[in-house]
Amino acid sequence: MDVVEWLVIDDGSTDATVEVARARGVHHIVRLTNNKGLAAGFQAGLDACLKLGADVIVNTDADNQYYGGDIERLIAPVLAGDADMVVGDRQVQSIEHFSPLKKRLQRLGSAVVRRASDTDVPDTTSGFRAYNREAALQVQVVSKFTYTLESIIQAGKMLVAVDHVPIRTNEKTRESRLFPSMSAYVRRNTVAIFRVYSLYEPLRVFTLAAAVVAIPALLLFARFAWFYANGEGRGHVQSLIVGAVLSIAAIQLAGLAVVGDILAASRLLQQRTLERVRRVELALGVPPSHYEPGAPPAAAPATTGAEAGPEAGEAAGNGAPAGSPGETGEREALRL
């Protein structure tokens, strides 16, 4: 490891997060103007790390859940060239302060993500992860609630080798601020799991839904046919009507399965296009968004706030665009 630098993401907080980070020697800060949520903050931080020149990016949560001493274990497969993305396995079943309901939901979410991504990550909701530059370039999260599930599915479908290593966790010091209650956590995670799976496996989801509706329709048609064959069809027309309605719904769901599959293929192409756009931005030296330098010496000028404009103008006045390719090598964020 040549250089290790720290980047803190301030998701529109109203406390002294930025001031404390600078006082503690944090090198880089991504400061969102208002609260955008976990997934948006993660994506902004990942983009900033890439544009600041990071070769390996380690992501951890701000609630001190993960044991920092395991960073070396987390990045080992990346440095060895055995993986592009490594997820820390908390071994959820052994965490005492996790409720039985939360553990079951974790197992369910991990099983769904493993099936959708064709990976074998046992703890897909873990936020303690390491990415190399290639993996970070290919991750583009669209979920507003969490990035953990979707990023693994994306990695599994792109050219990213995913691995996992066991990690330790710290004792719980406070309640999570990501969700107000356990019921909110269950509700949001359930919706997130269904949405992510439907987003990336629409053919499977809507085909199954069509089959669930079509089977009762066929049974109702068979019921009417049996009565009709015995000369009693006049009194059972309702079976024919309900069966017809269910058949129409099944056909519509099957059509949605085909349309969803086409959109999923289109989304994959869009992700690959976005990856190439990001590579172009890096080659051109486009500065990170909402960036502020941390403790001096600053590695890059701010791209947000009142001081951002004049510095960009000075760069242009010197004959070079702000964030020119020659500056890229000077920007490093958690470079390992």
Protein backbone atom coordinates (compact mmCIF):
# COMPACT_ATOMS: atom_id res chain seq x y z
CA MET A 1 0.00 0.00 0.00
CA ASP A 2 1.49 3.31 -1.09
CA VAL A 3 -1.02 5.83 0.23
CA VAL A 4 -4.13 5.52 2.38
CA GLU A 5 -6.57 8.44 2.38
CA TRP A 6 -9.96 8.91 4.01
CA LEU A 7 -13.15 10.25 2.44
CA VAL A 8 -16.25 11.09 4.49
CA ILE A 9 -19.72 11.45 2.93
CA ASP A 10 -21.89 14.05 4.64
CA ASP A 11 -25.47 13.35 3.55
CA GLY A 12 -26.92 16.76 4.37
CA SER A 13 -26.32 16.46 8.12
CA THR A 14 -27.09 19.36 10.45
CA ASP A 15 -24.43 18.58 13.04
CA ALA A 16 -20.68 19.20 12.95
CA THR A 17 -19.80 16.17 10.82
CA VAL A 18 -17.59 18.08 8.40
CA GLU A 19 -15.80 20.07 11.09
CA VAL A 20 -15.07 16.94 13.14
CA ALA A 21 -13.87 15.10 10.03
CA ARG A 22 -11.43 17.88 9.18
CA ALA A 23 -10.23 18.08 12.77
CA ARG A 24 -9.55 14.33 12.68
CA GLY A 25 -7.45 14.65 9.53
CA VAL A 26 -9.90 13.32 6.92
CA HIS A 27 -8.47 14.10 3.47
CA HIS A 28 -11.63 14.37 1.37
CA ILE A 29 -15.29 15.22 1.97
CA VAL A 30 -18.34 14.73 -0.21
CA ARG A 31 -20.97 17.10 1.14
CA LEU A 32 -24.50 16.70 -0.21
CA THR A 33 -26.61 19.83 0.16
CA ASN A 34 -29.57 17.99 1.70
CA ASN A 35 -30.30 14.45 2.77
CA LYS A 36 -30.54 12.12 -0.23
CA GLY A 37 -30.41 8.74 1.48
CA LEU A 38 -27.92 5.92 1.86
CA ALA A 39 -27.83 4.78 -1.76
CA ALA A 40 -27.35 8.27 -3.23
CA GLY A 41 -24.63 9.05 -0.70
CA PHE A 42 -22.83 5.81 -1.51
CA GLN A 43 -22.95 6.50 -5.25
CA ALA A 44 -21.66 10.05 -4.77
CA GLY A 45 -18.79 8.78 -2.62
CA LEU A 46 -17.89 6.04 -5.09
CA ASP A 47 -17.84 8.54 -7.96
CA ALA A 48 -15.63 10.90 -5.96
CA CYS A 49 -13.15 8.15 -5.08
CA LEU A 50 -12.80 7.23 -8.74
CA LYS A 51 -12.24 10.83 -9.81
CA LEU A 52 -9.75 11.36 -7.00
CA GLY A 53 -7.65 8.50 -8.34
CA ALA A 54 -8.36 5.61 -5.95
CA ASP A 55 -7.17 2.17 -6.97
CA VAL A 56 -8.94 0.32 -4.14
CA ILE A 57 -12.00 1.67 -2.32
CA VAL A 58 -13.11 0.40 1.09
CA ASN A 59 -16.64 1.34 2.14
CA THR A 60 -17.85 1.21 5.74
CA ASP A 61 -20.88 2.57 7.59
CA ALA A 62 -20.84 5.47 10.03
CA ASP A 63 -22.47 3.56 12.92
CA ASN A 64 -19.22 1.82 13.92
CA GLN A 65 -20.80 -1.58 13.28
CA TYR A 66 -17.79 -3.02 11.46
CA TYR A 67 -14.40 -3.73 13.03
CA GLY A 68 -11.87 -1.53 11.23
CA GLY A 69 -9.03 -3.93 11.95
CA ASP A 70 -10.48 -6.29 9.32
CA ILE A 71 -9.78 -3.91 6.43
CA GLU A 72 -6.56 -5.76 5.72
CA ARG A 73 -8.49 -9.03 5.52
CA LEU A 74 -11.14 -7.41 3.33
CA ILE A 75 -8.75 -6.04 0.70
CA ALA A 76 -6.50 -9.12 0.55
CA PRO A 77 -8.39 -10.86 -2.30
CA VAL A 78 -8.46 -7.59 -4.28
CA LEU A 79 -4.72 -6.99 -3.88
CA ALA A 80 -4.02 -10.61 -4.79
CA GLY A 81 -6.04 -10.23 -8.00
CA ASP A 82 -8.53 -12.93 -6.97
CA ALA A 83 -11.58 -10.65 -6.79
CA ASP A 84 -12.81 -7.27 -7.98
CA MET A 85 -15.32 -6.81 -5.18
CA VAL A 86 -15.20 -8.31 -1.68
CA VAL A 87 -18.10 -8.30 0.78
CA GLY A 88 -17.52 -8.69 4.50
CA ASP A 89 -19.54 -11.55 5.99
CA ARG A 90 -20.76 -10.60 9.47
CA GLN A 91 -21.99 -14.17 10.11
CA VAL A 92 -25.36 -12.65 11.02
CA GLN A 93 -26.66 -15.63 12.98
CA SER A 94 -23.99 -15.07 15.62
CA ILE A 95 -24.78 -11.36 16.20
CA GLU A 96 -26.62 -11.21 19.51
CA HIS A 97 -28.31 -7.82 19.17
CA PHE A 98 -29.99 -8.78 15.85
CA SER A 99 -33.59 -9.86 16.48
CA PRO A 100 -34.83 -13.23 15.12
CA LEU A 101 -37.03 -11.38 12.62
CA LYS A 102 -34.11 -9.34 11.35
CA LYS A 103 -31.97 -12.46 11.00
CA ARG A 104 -34.69 -14.22 8.99
CA LEU A 105 -35.09 -11.21 6.74
CA GLN A 106 -31.32 -11.09 6.24
CA ARG A 107 -31.34 -14.75 5.19
CA LEU A 108 -34.26 -14.17 2.83
CA GLY A 109 -32.69 -11.10 1.25
CA SER A 110 -29.35 -12.84 0.82
CA ALA A 111 -31.00 -15.89 -0.77
CA VAL A 112 -32.93 -13.72 -3.24
CA VAL A 113 -29.83 -11.72 -4.19
CA ARG A 114 -27.70 -14.84 -4.59
CA ARG A 115 -30.29 -16.28 -6.97
CA ALA A 116 -30.57 -13.08 -8.99
CA SER A 117 -26.81 -12.42 -9.13
CA ASP A 118 -25.43 -15.96 -9.46
CA THR A 119 -23.02 -15.27 -6.59
CA ASP A 120 -22.45 -17.08 -3.30
CA VAL A 121 -22.24 -14.07 -0.94
CA PRO A 122 -23.79 -15.17 2.39
CA ASP A 123 -24.29 -11.65 3.81
CA THR A 124 -25.54 -9.49 0.95
CA THR A 125 -26.70 -6.61 3.19
CA SER A 126 -23.24 -6.04 4.65
CA GLY A 127 -21.96 -2.52 3.98
CA PHE A 128 -18.31 -3.36 4.72
CA ARG A 129 -16.87 -3.87 1.24
CA ALA A 130 -13.79 -3.42 -0.92
CA TYR A 131 -13.82 -2.54 -4.61
CA ASN A 132 -11.05 -2.27 -7.12
CA ARG A 133 -11.23 0.42 -9.77
CA GLU A 134 -12.87 -1.81 -12.40
CA ALA A 135 -15.64 -2.91 -10.04
CA ALA A 136 -16.34 0.65 -8.90
CA LEU A 137 -16.63 1.80 -12.52
CA GLN A 138 -19.36 -0.74 -13.25
CA VAL A 139 -21.56 -0.13 -10.19
CA GLN A 140 -24.46 2.28 -10.71
CA VAL A 141 -27.16 2.08 -8.03
CA VAL A 142 -30.69 3.32 -8.79
CA SER A 143 -32.37 2.26 -5.53
CA LYS A 144 -33.16 5.12 -3.14
CA PHE A 145 -33.11 3.07 0.07
CA THR A 146 -30.03 0.85 -0.04
CA TYR A 147 -27.15 0.03 -2.34
CA THR A 148 -26.16 -3.30 -0.81
CA LEU A 149 -28.51 -5.64 -2.66
CA GLU A 150 -28.50 -3.96 -6.04
CA SER A 151 -24.74 -3.52 -6.27
CA ILE A 152 -24.16 -7.27 -5.82
CA ILE A 153 -26.73 -8.11 -8.50
CA GLN A 154 -25.11 -5.62 -10.87
CA ALA A 155 -21.67 -7.04 -10.13
CA GLY A 156 -22.90 -10.57 -10.79
CA LYS A 157 -24.30 -9.56 -14.17
CA MET A 158 -21.28 -7.48 -15.20
CA LEU A 159 -17.62 -8.44 -15.55
CA VAL A 160 -16.97 -8.27 -11.80
CA ALA A 161 -15.58 -11.15 -9.75
CA VAL A 162 -17.30 -11.16 -6.33
CA ASP A 163 -15.87 -12.78 -3.21
CA HIS A 164 -16.56 -12.67 0.52
CA VAL A 165 -14.49 -12.96 3.71
CA PRO A 166 -15.55 -13.33 7.36
CA ILE A 167 -15.33 -10.13 9.39
CA ARG A 168 -15.91 -9.07 12.96
CA THR A 169 -18.38 -6.52 14.27
CA ASN A 170 -18.25 -4.08 17.17
CA GLU A 171 -20.63 -3.92 20.09
CA LYS A 172 -23.81 -1.96 19.43
CA THR A 173 -23.44 1.62 20.69
CA ARG A 174 -26.69 3.20 19.43
CA GLU A 175 -29.80 2.47 17.43
CA SER A 176 -29.53 2.69 13.66
CA ARG A 177 -30.61 6.01 12.16
CA LEU A 178 -31.27 4.51 8.75
CA PHE A 179 -34.79 3.47 9.78
CA PRO A 180 -36.99 4.63 12.70
CA SER A 181 -38.15 1.18 13.86
CA MET A 182 -37.88 -2.54 13.19
CA SER A 183 -41.24 -2.53 11.39
CA ALA A 184 -39.97 0.22 9.09
CA TYR A 185 -36.81 -1.82 8.46
CA VAL A 186 -38.83 -4.92 7.60
CA ARG A 187 -41.20 -2.98 5.34
CA ARG A 188 -38.47 -1.12 3.46
CA ASN A 189 -36.22 -4.13 3.07
CA THR A 190 -39.10 -6.32 1.86
CA VAL A 191 -40.04 -3.73 -0.76
CA ALA A 192 -36.38 -3.27 -1.72
CA ILE A 193 -35.84 -7.02 -2.14
CA PHE A 194 -38.94 -7.40 -4.31
CA ARG A 195 -38.16 -4.30 -6.36
CA VAL A 196 -34.53 -5.24 -7.00
CA TYR A 197 -35.41 -8.81 -7.94
CA SER A 198 -38.21 -7.63 -10.25
CA LEU A 199 -35.89 -5.07 -11.79
CA TYR A 200 -33.26 -7.62 -12.76
CA GLU A 201 -35.37 -10.78 -13.19
CA PRO A 202 -38.68 -9.51 -14.69
CA LEU A 203 -39.18 -12.54 -16.92
CA ARG A 204 -39.06 -14.91 -13.97
CA VAL A 205 -41.23 -12.72 -11.71
CA PHE A 206 -44.02 -11.97 -14.19
CA THR A 207 -44.02 -15.47 -15.67
CA LEU A 208 -44.54 -16.87 -12.18
CA ALA A 209 -47.32 -14.33 -11.55
CA ALA A 210 -48.95 -15.27 -14.86
CA ALA A 211 -48.81 -18.96 -13.92
CA VAL A 212 -50.36 -18.26 -10.51
CA VAL A 213 -53.30 -16.53 -12.20
CA ALA A 214 -53.58 -18.95 -15.12
CA ILE A 215 -53.90 -22.11 -13.01
CA PRO A 216 -57.17 -21.04 -11.28
CA ALA A 217 -58.48 -19.92 -14.68
CA LEU A 218 -57.85 -23.37 -16.14
CA LEU A 219 -59.49 -25.04 -13.14
CA LEU A 220 -62.58 -22.86 -13.55
CA PHE A 221 -62.77 -23.65 -17.27
CA ALA A 222 -62.47 -27.36 -16.44
CA ARG A 223 -65.23 -27.02 -13.85
CA PHE A 224 -67.55 -25.37 -16.35
CA ALA A 225 -66.70 -27.95 -19.03
CA TRP A 226 -67.53 -30.81 -16.64
CA PHE A 227 -70.92 -29.34 -15.76
CA TYR A 228 -71.60 -28.46 -19.40
CA ALA A 229 -70.81 -32.03 -20.48
CA ASN A 230 -73.35 -33.26 -17.94
CA GLY A 231 -76.01 -30.85 -19.20
CA GLU A 232 -75.77 -28.49 -16.24
CA GLY A 233 -73.79 -25.68 -17.86
CA ARG A 234 -76.62 -23.14 -17.60
CA GLY A 235 -76.21 -22.70 -13.85
CA HIS A 236 -72.41 -22.38 -13.87
CA VAL A 237 -71.74 -19.55 -16.28
CA GLN A 238 -70.03 -17.63 -13.46
CA SER A 239 -67.12 -20.10 -13.66
CA LEU A 240 -66.73 -19.26 -17.32
CA ILE A 241 -66.83 -15.50 -16.65
CA VAL A 242 -64.31 -15.56 -13.78
CA GLY A 243 -62.06 -17.94 -15.74
CA ALA A 244 -62.12 -15.55 -18.71
CA VAL A 245 -61.18 -12.60 -16.49
CA LEU A 246 -58.30 -14.53 -14.94
CA SER A 247 -57.13 -15.66 -18.39
CA ILE A 248 -56.98 -12.06 -19.59
CA ALA A 249 -54.96 -11.12 -16.50
CA ALA A 250 -52.58 -14.04 -17.09
CA ILE A 251 -52.05 -13.01 -20.72
CA GLN A 252 -51.31 -9.44 -19.63
CA LEU A 253 -48.82 -10.62 -17.03
CA ALA A 254 -47.13 -12.83 -19.62
CA GLY A 255 -46.89 -9.80 -21.90
CA LEU A 256 -45.34 -7.79 -19.07
CA ALA A 257 -42.79 -10.59 -18.61
CA VAL A 258 -41.68 -10.24 -22.23
CA VAL A 259 -41.60 -6.43 -22.08
CA GLY A 260 -39.72 -6.51 -18.76
CA ASP A 261 -37.14 -8.91 -20.18
CA ILE A 262 -36.55 -6.57 -23.12
CA LEU A 263 -36.19 -3.60 -20.76
CA ALA A 264 -33.76 -5.59 -18.58
CA ALA A 265 -31.57 -6.24 -21.63
CA SER A 266 -31.78 -2.56 -22.53
CA ARG A 267 -30.82 -1.60 -18.97
CA LEU A 268 -27.72 -3.79 -19.20
CA LEU A 269 -26.68 -1.99 -22.37
CA GLN A 270 -27.29 1.36 -20.67
CA GLN A 271 -25.10 0.31 -17.75
CA ARG A 272 -22.28 -0.57 -20.12
CA THR A 273 -22.71 2.77 -21.88
CA LEU A 274 -22.61 4.59 -18.54
CA GLU A 275 -19.44 2.73 -17.62
CA ARG A 276 -17.79 4.02 -20.81
CA VAL A 277 -19.00 7.55 -20.08
CA ARG A 278 -17.42 7.37 -16.64
CA ARG A 279 -14.15 6.21 -18.19
CA VAL A 280 -14.26 9.21 -20.53
CA GLU A 281 -14.87 11.54 -17.56
CA LEU A 282 -11.87 10.07 -15.75
CA ALA A 283 -9.70 10.48 -18.84
CA LEU A 284 -10.77 14.13 -19.14
CA GLY A 285 -10.17 14.80 -15.45
CA VAL A 286 -13.74 15.83 -14.63
CA PRO A 287 -13.77 16.83 -10.93
CA PRO A 288 -16.03 15.03 -8.44
CA SER A 289 -19.42 16.49 -7.61
CA HIS A 290 -20.13 18.08 -4.21
CA TYR A 291 -16.48 17.73 -3.26
CA GLU A 292 -14.72 19.67 -0.51
CA PRO A 293 -11.10 19.25 0.54
CA GLY A 294 -10.58 17.90 4.01
CA ALA A 295 -7.56 18.52 6.21
CA PRO A 296 -4.67 20.28 4.43
CA PRO A 297 -2.85 19.77 2.19
CA ALA A 298 -5.92 19.61 -0.08
CA ALA A 299 -5.72 17.19 -2.98
CA ALA A 300 -8.29 18.98 -5.14
CA PRO A 301 -10.33 22.20 -5.17
CA ALA A 302 -13.91 22.25 -3.94
CA THR A 303 -16.67 21.66 -6.47
CA THR A 304 -19.47 22.88 -4.23
CA GLY A 305 -20.03 26.00 -2.15
CA ALA A 306 -19.11 29.63 -2.71
CA GLU A 307 -15.44 28.89 -3.37
CA ALA A 308 -16.05 26.46 -6.20
CA GLY A 309 -16.69 28.96 -9.00
CA PRO A 310 -13.56 31.14 -8.77
CA GLU A 311 -11.19 28.17 -8.74
CA ALA A 312 -12.82 26.68 -11.79
CA GLY A 313 -12.56 30.04 -13.51
CA GLU A 314 -8.87 30.39 -12.63
CA ALA A 315 -8.16 26.97 -14.14
CA ALA A 316 -9.88 27.96 -17.36
CA GLY A 317 -8.04 31.29 -17.37
CA ASN A 318 -4.72 29.50 -17.28
CA GLY A 319 -5.49 27.76 -20.53
CA ALA A 320 -6.47 24.43 -19.02
CA PRO A 321 -10.01 23.27 -18.20
CA ALA A 322 -10.86 22.71 -14.56
CA GLY A 323 -9.80 19.19 -13.67
CA SER A 324 -7.55 18.74 -16.71
CA PRO A 325 -6.05 15.28 -17.37
CA GLY A 326 -2.71 16.38 -15.93
CA GLU A 327 -4.27 16.87 -12.50
CA THR A 328 -5.75 13.38 -12.25
CA GLY A 329 -2.58 11.82 -10.91
CA GLU A 330 -2.56 14.23 -7.95
CA ARG A 331 -6.00 13.13 -6.72
CA GLU A 332 -6.16 10.11 -4.51
CA ALA A 333 -8.91 8.89 -2.19
CA LEU A 334 -8.15 5.94 0.04
CA ARG A 335 -5.45 4.78 -2.38
CA LEU A 336 -4.06 1.43 -1.36
